[in-house]
Protein backbone atom coordinates (compact mmCIF):
# COMPACT_ATOMS: atom_id res chain seq x y z
CA MET A 1 -30.07 -25.02 -4.65
CA PHE A 2 -29.87 -22.57 -1.67
CA PRO A 3 -26.50 -23.87 -0.16
CA TRP A 4 -24.83 -23.70 -3.62
CA LEU A 5 -26.07 -20.13 -3.83
CA LEU A 6 -24.35 -19.27 -0.52
CA ILE A 7 -21.24 -21.02 -1.48
CA GLY A 8 -21.25 -18.97 -4.77
CA ILE A 9 -21.72 -15.77 -2.90
CA TYR A 10 -18.82 -16.64 -0.54
CA PHE A 11 -16.49 -17.41 -3.43
CA ALA A 12 -17.38 -14.24 -5.13
CA PHE A 13 -16.82 -12.23 -2.06
CA SER A 14 -13.45 -14.09 -1.42
CA ALA A 15 -12.27 -13.34 -4.89
CA ILE A 16 -13.15 -9.55 -4.67
CA LEU A 17 -11.61 -9.26 -1.25
CA SER A 18 -8.54 -11.19 -2.10
CA SER A 19 -8.05 -8.86 -5.36
CA ILE A 20 -8.31 -5.81 -3.08
CA ILE A 21 -5.67 -7.02 -0.76
CA GLY A 22 -3.41 -8.05 -3.59
CA PHE A 23 -3.55 -4.81 -5.18
CA ASP A 24 -2.90 -3.02 -1.91
CA ALA A 25 -0.11 -5.28 -1.12
CA GLN A 26 1.54 -4.40 -4.49
CA ARG A 27 0.82 -0.53 -3.90
CA ARG A 28 2.64 -0.89 -0.59
CA GLY A 29 5.78 -2.37 -2.23
CA LEU A 30 5.68 -5.92 -0.81
CA ARG A 31 7.66 -8.55 -2.64
CA LYS A 32 5.90 -10.65 -5.27
CA GLU A 33 5.84 -13.66 -3.06
CA ASP A 34 4.19 -11.74 -0.16
CA VAL A 35 1.64 -10.33 -2.57
CA TYR A 36 0.70 -13.86 -3.74
CA GLY A 37 0.73 -15.09 -0.19
CA TRP A 38 -1.64 -12.59 1.13
CA THR A 39 -3.90 -12.92 -1.87
CA VAL A 40 -4.16 -16.69 -1.46
CA LEU A 41 -4.74 -16.50 2.31
CA THR A 42 -7.40 -13.89 1.85
CA PHE A 43 -9.18 -16.01 -0.73
CA ILE A 44 -9.18 -18.87 1.72
CA PHE A 45 -9.93 -17.25 4.91
CA SER A 46 -11.64 -14.01 3.80
CA ILE A 47 -12.53 -11.71 6.70
CA LEU A 48 -9.98 -13.17 9.34
CA SER A 49 -7.08 -12.66 6.91
CA MET A 50 -8.20 -9.17 5.95
CA ILE A 51 -8.10 -8.07 9.51
CA LEU A 52 -4.59 -9.86 10.03
CA TYR A 53 -3.38 -8.04 6.85
CA LEU A 54 -4.50 -4.72 8.02
CA VAL A 55 -2.81 -5.19 11.43
CA VAL A 56 0.46 -6.86 10.26
CA VAL A 57 1.16 -4.67 7.23
CA ALA A 58 1.88 -1.26 8.35
CA PRO A 59 1.82 1.66 5.88
CA LYS A 60 5.24 2.82 4.46
CA PRO A 61 6.66 5.81 5.93
CA VAL A 62 6.54 8.90 3.60
CA LEU A 63 9.61 10.92 3.42
CA ARG A 64 8.77 14.61 3.02
CA ALA A 65 11.02 17.50 2.40
CA TYR A 66 10.26 21.16 2.23
CA CYS A 67 12.10 24.10 0.65
CA PRO A 68 13.81 26.17 3.54
CA ARG A 69 12.95 29.43 1.83
CA CYS A 70 9.28 29.01 0.46
CA ALA A 71 8.34 25.98 2.41
CA LYS A 72 6.60 24.30 -0.52
CA PRO A 73 7.09 20.41 -0.83
CA ILE A 74 10.10 19.21 -2.79
CA GLN A 75 11.57 15.95 -3.92
CA ILE A 76 14.58 14.93 -1.78
CA GLU A 77 16.78 14.37 -4.92
CA TRP A 78 16.15 17.83 -6.22
CA LYS A 79 19.13 20.18 -6.17
CA VAL A 80 17.26 23.46 -6.74
CA CYS A 81 13.76 24.44 -5.63
CA PRO A 82 11.77 24.79 -8.85
CA TYR A 83 9.33 27.28 -7.03
CA CYS A 84 11.75 29.97 -5.71
CA GLY A 85 15.26 28.83 -7.05
CA GLN A 86 16.79 28.16 -3.60
CA GLU A 87 19.86 25.91 -3.78
CA LEU A 88 19.16 22.91 -1.59
CA GLN A 89 21.56 21.00 0.42
CA ARG A 90 21.12 17.53 1.94
CA LYS A 91 21.67 17.12 5.68
CA LEU A 92 22.99 13.77 6.64
CA SER A 93 22.11 12.80 10.11
């Protein structure tokens, strides 16, 4: 009875951990095949693949833009700042 309990706990832990990794991979914008791959890999190898995932999959860079007049955060595609009315220009570099 005792070994089956440990096996059940391991599978429950693996299922929870693989779900967390799968949702995180989706949130980071990975392709569907990559999400499935990381989820299955985590379910099979649990802790080792979680560490590998956190090392290999780097966070996506966040593009931030600020209004030159009021310095409030704006979206890059905006043409006018909604806070102060400043006309915004895109600088291509």
